[in-house]
Protein backbone atom coordinates (compact mmCIF):
# COMPACT_ATOMS: atom_id res chain seq x y z
CA MET A 1 -101.10 16.21 83.96
CA THR A 2 -98.02 18.42 83.74
CA GLU A 3 -94.78 18.30 81.83
CA GLN A 4 -91.40 19.61 82.86
CA ILE A 5 -89.75 21.83 80.25
CA ARG A 6 -86.16 23.06 80.38
CA LEU A 7 -85.49 26.33 78.62
CA ARG A 8 -82.41 28.42 78.02
CA ILE A 9 -82.92 32.17 78.05
CA ASP A 10 -80.72 35.17 78.66
CA SER A 11 -79.89 35.35 82.37
CA ARG A 12 -80.64 39.08 82.55
CA LEU A 13 -84.05 38.52 81.01
CA ALA A 14 -84.72 35.70 83.49
CA ASP A 15 -83.75 37.95 86.42
CA GLU A 16 -86.01 40.75 85.18
CA ALA A 17 -88.86 38.30 84.63
CA HIS A 18 -88.50 36.95 88.18
CA VAL A 19 -88.76 40.51 89.52
CA VAL A 20 -91.91 41.15 87.48
CA CYS A 21 -93.42 37.85 88.63
CA ARG A 22 -92.78 38.72 92.28
CA GLU A 23 -94.29 42.19 91.76
CA ILE A 24 -97.51 40.82 90.30
CA GLY A 25 -97.66 37.85 92.65
CA ILE A 26 -97.24 34.90 90.33
CA THR A 27 -94.59 32.24 89.86
CA PRO A 28 -92.41 32.05 86.76
CA THR A 29 -94.11 28.72 86.02
CA ALA A 30 -97.51 30.44 86.06
CA ALA A 31 -96.18 33.21 83.80
CA VAL A 32 -94.85 30.72 81.24
CA SER A 33 -98.11 28.73 81.40
CA MET A 34 -100.12 31.91 80.76
CA PHE A 35 -97.86 32.80 77.83
CA PHE A 36 -98.20 29.31 76.33
CA SER A 37 -102.00 29.43 76.76
CA GLN A 38 -102.22 32.80 75.01
CA MET A 39 -99.91 31.64 72.24
CA VAL A 40 -102.05 28.55 71.58
CA ARG A 41 -105.26 30.58 71.63
CA LYS A 42 -103.81 33.21 69.30
CA VAL A 43 -102.66 30.64 66.74
CA ALA A 44 -105.96 28.76 66.93
CA TRP A 45 -107.88 32.03 66.51
CA THR A 46 -105.69 33.12 63.59
CA GLU A 47 -106.19 29.79 61.81
CA TRP A 48 -109.95 29.92 62.40
CA GLN A 49 -110.10 33.52 61.19
CA SER A 50 -108.13 32.65 58.07
CA ALA A 51 -110.47 29.76 57.29
CA GLN A 52 -113.53 31.97 57.80
CA LEU A 53 -112.16 34.62 55.43
CA ALA A 54 -111.54 32.00 52.74
CA LEU A 55 -115.05 30.59 53.14
CA GLU A 56 -116.57 34.06 52.92
CA GLU A 57 -114.45 34.93 49.87
CA TYR A 58 -115.73 31.92 47.95
CA GLY A 59 -119.24 32.07 49.41
CA VAL A 60 -119.28 28.47 50.61
CA THR A 61 -119.98 26.70 53.86
CA LEU A 62 -117.38 24.64 55.70
CA ALA A 63 -119.22 21.47 54.64
CA GLN A 64 -119.09 22.53 50.98
CA ALA A 65 -115.38 23.37 51.21
CA THR A 66 -114.65 20.04 52.91
CA SER A 67 -116.62 18.17 50.25
CA ALA A 68 -114.72 19.98 47.48
CA GLU A 69 -111.40 19.14 49.14
CA ASP A 70 -112.39 15.48 49.47
CA SER A 71 -113.41 15.37 45.78
CA ALA A 72 -110.16 16.99 44.66
CA LEU A 73 -108.07 14.58 46.74
CA ALA A 74 -110.00 11.59 45.35
CA GLU A 75 -109.49 12.87 41.80
CA ILE A 76 -105.75 13.27 42.41
CA ALA A 77 -105.50 9.77 43.89
CA SER A 78 -107.38 8.32 40.91
CA ALA A 79 -105.16 10.15 38.41
CA ARG A 80 -102.04 9.03 40.26
CA LYS A 81 -103.22 5.40 40.24
CA ALA A 82 -104.02 5.56 36.52
CA GLY A 83 -100.61 7.08 35.74
CA ARG A 84 -102.13 10.35 34.49
CA LEU A 85 -100.44 12.47 37.13
CA ARG A 86 -97.12 14.07 36.26
CA THR A 87 -94.62 15.65 38.61
CA PHE A 88 -94.30 19.37 38.03
CA THR A 89 -90.72 20.18 37.00
CA GLY A 90 -91.11 23.94 36.94
CA LYS A 91 -91.19 24.08 33.15
CA LEU A 92 -94.46 24.75 31.37
């Protein structure tokens, strides 16, 4: 499945990009697809790396971190329901 995307970029940049694409034997569509793929992989890798560093810092497994998150969210929901949760106003 594909999707058509319309983009506005500087015309000089577009012309230079078309020249580069011709030189390396790919279409501009292929170049944009490769860029998008790399961008998605980079973000996914960065998020994974960040999560791994946090887990290592606290010395827990992903399952333990997920369980702690679930417990904290349940505690917050319970406190909110019981009226024990206050909105932080910025003043201590």
